[in-house]
């Protein structure tokens, strides 16, 4: 992965979520806060396990970082901040 700052990465991730999870009619990237939950019924986006899998594949293809297993998935998809941190740590 090329050097990218965390703010730029978070914007890219928000856009990726909108596209990969087919949320463009409901949300814009700017509607997603950095600390809000991404997955689950309490999440505004209401992403489910299929959305998480789709995102994990897109992240692997784009950033060459794998999100493996339930524990890593829960940590990574907790929020945009958590996801960006996971990717930045995994790319080192």
Foldseek 3Di string as FASTA:
>chain_A
DPDDDLVVQLLVLLVCLCVQVVVVVPDDSVVFDQQAQDDDPVGPPPDYPVSLVSSQVVCCVPLVFHQDDDVSSCQLRRGSNSVSVSSVVRND
